[in-house]
Amino acid sequence: MPTKNARPVRKTSHQNRNNVTYRSFPRYGGLTLEIGAKILTNALIIAVAIAALNRLLPHYQTQNARLEELNNEVERTQARVDRLNSQFTRNFDPYQSQEIRQEHTHQIKPNQRRIVWLEPETQNPE
């Protein structure tokens, strides 16, 4: 029964008890070559991936900056749309039509009076 250890084995013959013979192990050249080829292939794939990432990184940063700029523009436009929408609903609200007419024409109702606030005049002690 062969063992996987590389220990010397003594022959048990009566004539040559002091002779030591070593078992020969099969050479693993093919397996070593295959493992080396796999490692080299994986290293090459890693190098190609790193090169591709280096080429894509500036494009990604540019796209990210453009996206942030567009998001800021969308926020500004959304605020404007909200403001215009509130004005629109106010302008077409039938309950506020009288107030809006007064704002735009500066006319008042017949039963109202215009009040003008004046500052009190200060008298000079002369």
C-alpha atoms as a PDB file:
ATOM      1  CA  MET A   1       0.000   0.000   0.000  1.00  0.00           C
ATOM      2  CA  PRO A   2       1.645   3.274  -1.064  1.00  0.00           C
ATOM      3  CA  THR A   3       1.680   6.099   1.404  1.00  0.00           C
ATOM      4  CA  LYS A   4       1.718   9.784   0.625  1.00  0.00           C
ATOM      5  CA  ASN A   5       4.602  10.534   2.943  1.00  0.00           C
ATOM      6  CA  ALA A   6       8.084  10.935   1.597  1.00  0.00           C
ATOM      7  CA  ARG A   7       9.643   8.729   4.221  1.00  0.00           C
ATOM      8  CA  PRO A   8      12.275   6.257   3.299  1.00  0.00           C
ATOM      9  CA  VAL A   9      11.133   2.665   3.298  1.00  0.00           C
ATOM     10  CA  ARG A  10      13.505  -0.095   4.259  1.00  0.00           C
ATOM     11  CA  LYS A  11      13.437  -3.319   2.414  1.00  0.00           C
ATOM     12  CA  THR A  12      13.081  -6.261   4.667  1.00  0.00           C
ATOM     13  CA  SER A  13      15.446  -8.638   3.051  1.00  0.00           C
ATOM     14  CA  HIS A  14      17.974 -10.451   5.131  1.00  0.00           C
ATOM     15  CA  GLN A  15      20.864  -9.704   2.851  1.00  0.00           C
ATOM     16  CA  ASN A  16      20.613  -5.917   2.552  1.00  0.00           C
ATOM     17  CA  ARG A  17      19.171  -4.655   5.757  1.00  0.00           C
ATOM     18  CA  ASN A  18      21.158  -1.421   5.616  1.00  0.00           C
ATOM     19  CA  ASN A  19      20.182  -0.461   2.051  1.00  0.00           C
ATOM     20  CA  VAL A  20      17.577   2.290   1.968  1.00  0.00           C
ATOM     21  CA  THR A  21      15.430   2.913  -1.096  1.00  0.00           C
ATOM     22  CA  TYR A  22      13.139   5.889  -1.667  1.00  0.00           C
ATOM     23  CA  ARG A  23       9.791   5.742  -3.348  1.00  0.00           C
ATOM     24  CA  SER A  24       9.499   7.958  -6.377  1.00  0.00           C
ATOM     25  CA  PHE A  25       6.610  10.383  -6.546  1.00  0.00           C
ATOM     26  CA  PRO A  26       5.058  11.316  -9.863  1.00  0.00           C
ATOM     27  CA  ARG A  27       6.067  14.699 -11.103  1.00  0.00           C
ATOM     28  CA  TYR A  28       3.348  17.405 -10.824  1.00  0.00           C
ATOM     29  CA  GLY A  29       4.572  19.504 -13.710  1.00  0.00           C
ATOM     30  CA  GLY A  30       1.264  19.431 -15.577  1.00  0.00           C
ATOM     31  CA  LEU A  31      -0.728  20.410 -12.502  1.00  0.00           C
ATOM     32  CA  THR A  32       1.736  23.175 -11.663  1.00  0.00           C
ATOM     33  CA  LEU A  33       1.502  24.501 -15.195  1.00  0.00           C
ATOM     34  CA  GLU A  34      -2.316  24.451 -15.067  1.00  0.00           C
ATOM     35  CA  ILE A  35      -2.436  26.316 -11.737  1.00  0.00           C
ATOM     36  CA  GLY A  36       0.077  28.861 -13.022  1.00  0.00           C
ATOM     37  CA  ALA A  37      -2.014  29.417 -16.146  1.00  0.00           C
ATOM     38  CA  LYS A  38      -5.150  29.948 -14.023  1.00  0.00           C
ATOM     39  CA  ILE A  39      -3.380  32.472 -11.796  1.00  0.00           C
ATOM     40  CA  LEU A  40      -1.994  34.298 -14.838  1.00  0.00           C
ATOM     41  CA  THR A  41      -5.435  34.381 -16.480  1.00  0.00           C
ATOM     42  CA  ASN A  42      -7.052  35.738 -13.317  1.00  0.00           C
ATOM     43  CA  ALA A  43      -4.338  38.390 -12.967  1.00  0.00           C
ATOM     44  CA  LEU A  44      -4.902  39.417 -16.591  1.00  0.00           C
ATOM     45  CA  ILE A  45      -8.685  39.664 -16.036  1.00  0.00           C
ATOM     46  CA  ILE A  46      -8.092  41.797 -12.921  1.00  0.00           C
ATOM     47  CA  ALA A  47      -5.744  44.098 -14.854  1.00  0.00           C
ATOM     48  CA  VAL A  48      -8.290  44.542 -17.649  1.00  0.00           C
ATOM     49  CA  ALA A  49     -11.057  45.267 -15.117  1.00  0.00           C
ATOM     50  CA  ILE A  50      -8.926  47.895 -13.352  1.00  0.00           C
ATOM     51  CA  ALA A  51      -8.069  49.532 -16.685  1.00  0.00           C
ATOM     52  CA  ALA A  52     -11.752  49.625 -17.639  1.00  0.00           C
ATOM     53  CA  LEU A  53     -12.677  51.171 -14.289  1.00  0.00           C
ATOM     54  CA  ASN A  54      -9.989  53.821 -14.729  1.00  0.00           C
ATOM     55  CA  ARG A  55     -11.464  54.741 -18.105  1.00  0.00           C
ATOM     56  CA  LEU A  56     -15.032  54.817 -16.782  1.00  0.00           C
ATOM     57  CA  LEU A  57     -14.354  56.836 -13.624  1.00  0.00           C
ATOM     58  CA  PRO A  58     -14.091  60.298 -15.308  1.00  0.00           C
ATOM     59  CA  HIS A  59     -17.258  59.608 -17.313  1.00  0.00           C
ATOM     60  CA  TYR A  60     -19.060  58.578 -14.124  1.00  0.00           C
ATOM     61  CA  GLN A  61     -17.949  61.736 -12.311  1.00  0.00           C
ATOM     62  CA  THR A  62     -19.114  63.923 -15.200  1.00  0.00           C
ATOM     63  CA  GLN A  63     -22.491  62.214 -15.322  1.00  0.00           C
ATOM     64  CA  ASN A  64     -22.852  62.527 -11.544  1.00  0.00           C
ATOM     65  CA  ALA A  65     -22.146  66.277 -11.692  1.00  0.00           C
ATOM     66  CA  ARG A  66     -24.692  66.723 -14.502  1.00  0.00           C
ATOM     67  CA  LEU A  67     -27.264  64.733 -12.556  1.00  0.00           C
ATOM     68  CA  GLU A  68     -26.801  66.906  -9.483  1.00  0.00           C
ATOM     69  CA  GLU A  69     -27.146  70.048 -11.608  1.00  0.00           C
ATOM     70  CA  LEU A  70     -30.361  68.713 -13.129  1.00  0.00           C
ATOM     71  CA  ASN A  71     -31.717  67.798  -9.681  1.00  0.00           C
ATOM     72  CA  ASN A  72     -31.101  71.378  -8.509  1.00  0.00           C
ATOM     73  CA  GLU A  73     -32.892  72.709 -11.587  1.00  0.00           C
ATOM     74  CA  VAL A  74     -35.818  70.355 -10.955  1.00  0.00           C
ATOM     75  CA  GLU A  75     -36.092  71.603  -7.357  1.00  0.00           C
ATOM     76  CA  ARG A  76     -36.167  75.232  -8.515  1.00  0.00           C
ATOM     77  CA  THR A  77     -38.722  74.460 -11.204  1.00  0.00           C
ATOM     78  CA  GLN A  78     -40.865  72.483  -8.765  1.00  0.00           C
ATOM     79  CA  ALA A  79     -40.937  75.448  -6.362  1.00  0.00           C
ATOM     80  CA  ARG A  80     -41.999  77.714  -9.239  1.00  0.00           C
ATOM     81  CA  VAL A  81     -44.691  75.241 -10.343  1.00  0.00           C
ATOM     82  CA  ASP A  82     -46.048  75.035  -6.802  1.00  0.00           C
ATOM     83  CA  ARG A  83     -46.194  78.837  -6.565  1.00  0.00           C
ATOM     84  CA  LEU A  84     -47.927  79.166  -9.940  1.00  0.00           C
ATOM     85  CA  ASN A  85     -50.339  76.382  -9.072  1.00  0.00           C
ATOM     86  CA  SER A  86     -51.383  78.144  -5.882  1.00  0.00           C
ATOM     87  CA  GLN A  87     -51.893  81.378  -7.848  1.00  0.00           C
ATOM     88  CA  PHE A  88     -53.890  79.492 -10.444  1.00  0.00           C
ATOM     89  CA  THR A  89     -56.225  77.938  -7.893  1.00  0.00           C
ATOM     90  CA  ARG A  90     -56.621  81.315  -6.188  1.00  0.00           C
ATOM     91  CA  ASN A  91     -57.405  83.075  -9.476  1.00  0.00           C
ATOM     92  CA  PHE A  92     -60.097  80.581 -10.409  1.00  0.00           C
ATOM     93  CA  ASP A  93     -61.631  80.293  -6.956  1.00  0.00           C
ATOM     94  CA  PRO A  94     -65.158  81.744  -7.227  1.00  0.00           C
ATOM     95  CA  TYR A  95     -65.129  82.817  -3.588  1.00  0.00           C
ATOM     96  CA  GLN A  96     -62.081  85.030  -4.112  1.00  0.00           C
ATOM     97  CA  SER A  97     -63.019  86.539  -7.461  1.00  0.00           C
ATOM     98  CA  GLN A  98     -64.190  89.785  -5.820  1.00  0.00           C
ATOM     99  CA  GLU A  99     -60.879  90.236  -3.974  1.00  0.00           C
ATOM    100  CA  ILE A 100     -58.859  89.515  -7.084  1.00  0.00           C
ATOM    101  CA  ARG A 101     -60.877  92.001  -9.107  1.00  0.00           C
ATOM    102  CA  GLN A 102     -60.239  94.668  -6.457  1.00  0.00           C
ATOM    103  CA  GLU A 103     -56.507  93.903  -6.461  1.00  0.00           C
ATOM    104  CA  HIS A 104     -56.191  94.221 -10.216  1.00  0.00           C
ATOM    105  CA  THR A 105     -58.492  97.197 -10.848  1.00  0.00           C
ATOM    106  CA  HIS A 106     -58.020  99.088  -7.581  1.00  0.00           C
ATOM    107  CA  GLN A 107     -61.744  99.540  -7.330  1.00  0.00           C
ATOM    108  CA  ILE A 108     -63.654  99.172  -4.124  1.00  0.00           C
ATOM    109  CA  LYS A 109     -67.162  98.064  -3.357  1.00  0.00           C
ATOM    110  CA  PRO A 110     -69.797 100.783  -3.241  1.00  0.00           C
ATOM    111  CA  ASN A 111     -70.443 100.181   0.434  1.00  0.00           C
ATOM    112  CA  GLN A 112     -66.750 100.485   1.360  1.00  0.00           C
ATOM    113  CA  ARG A 113     -64.650 103.545   2.031  1.00  0.00           C
ATOM    114  CA  ARG A 114     -61.065 104.074   1.275  1.00  0.00           C
ATOM    115  CA  ILE A 115     -58.922 104.773   4.316  1.00  0.00           C
ATOM    116  CA  VAL A 116     -55.595 106.543   4.011  1.00  0.00           C
ATOM    117  CA  TRP A 117     -53.290 106.529   7.000  1.00  0.00           C
ATOM    118  CA  LEU A 118     -51.315 109.688   7.581  1.00  0.00           C
ATOM    119  CA  GLU A 119     -48.408 110.219   9.896  1.00  0.00           C
ATOM    120  CA  PRO A 120     -49.034 112.819  12.578  1.00  0.00           C
ATOM    121  CA  GLU A 121     -47.304 116.056  11.869  1.00  0.00           C
ATOM    122  CA  THR A 122     -44.692 117.097  14.377  1.00  0.00           C
ATOM    123  CA  GLN A 123     -44.657 120.751  15.343  1.00  0.00           C
ATOM    124  CA  ASN A 124     -41.353 122.509  15.491  1.00  0.00           C
ATOM    125  CA  PRO A 125     -40.840 124.494  18.705  1.00  0.00           C
ATOM    126  CA  GLU A 126     -39.769 127.800  17.270  1.00  0.00           C
END
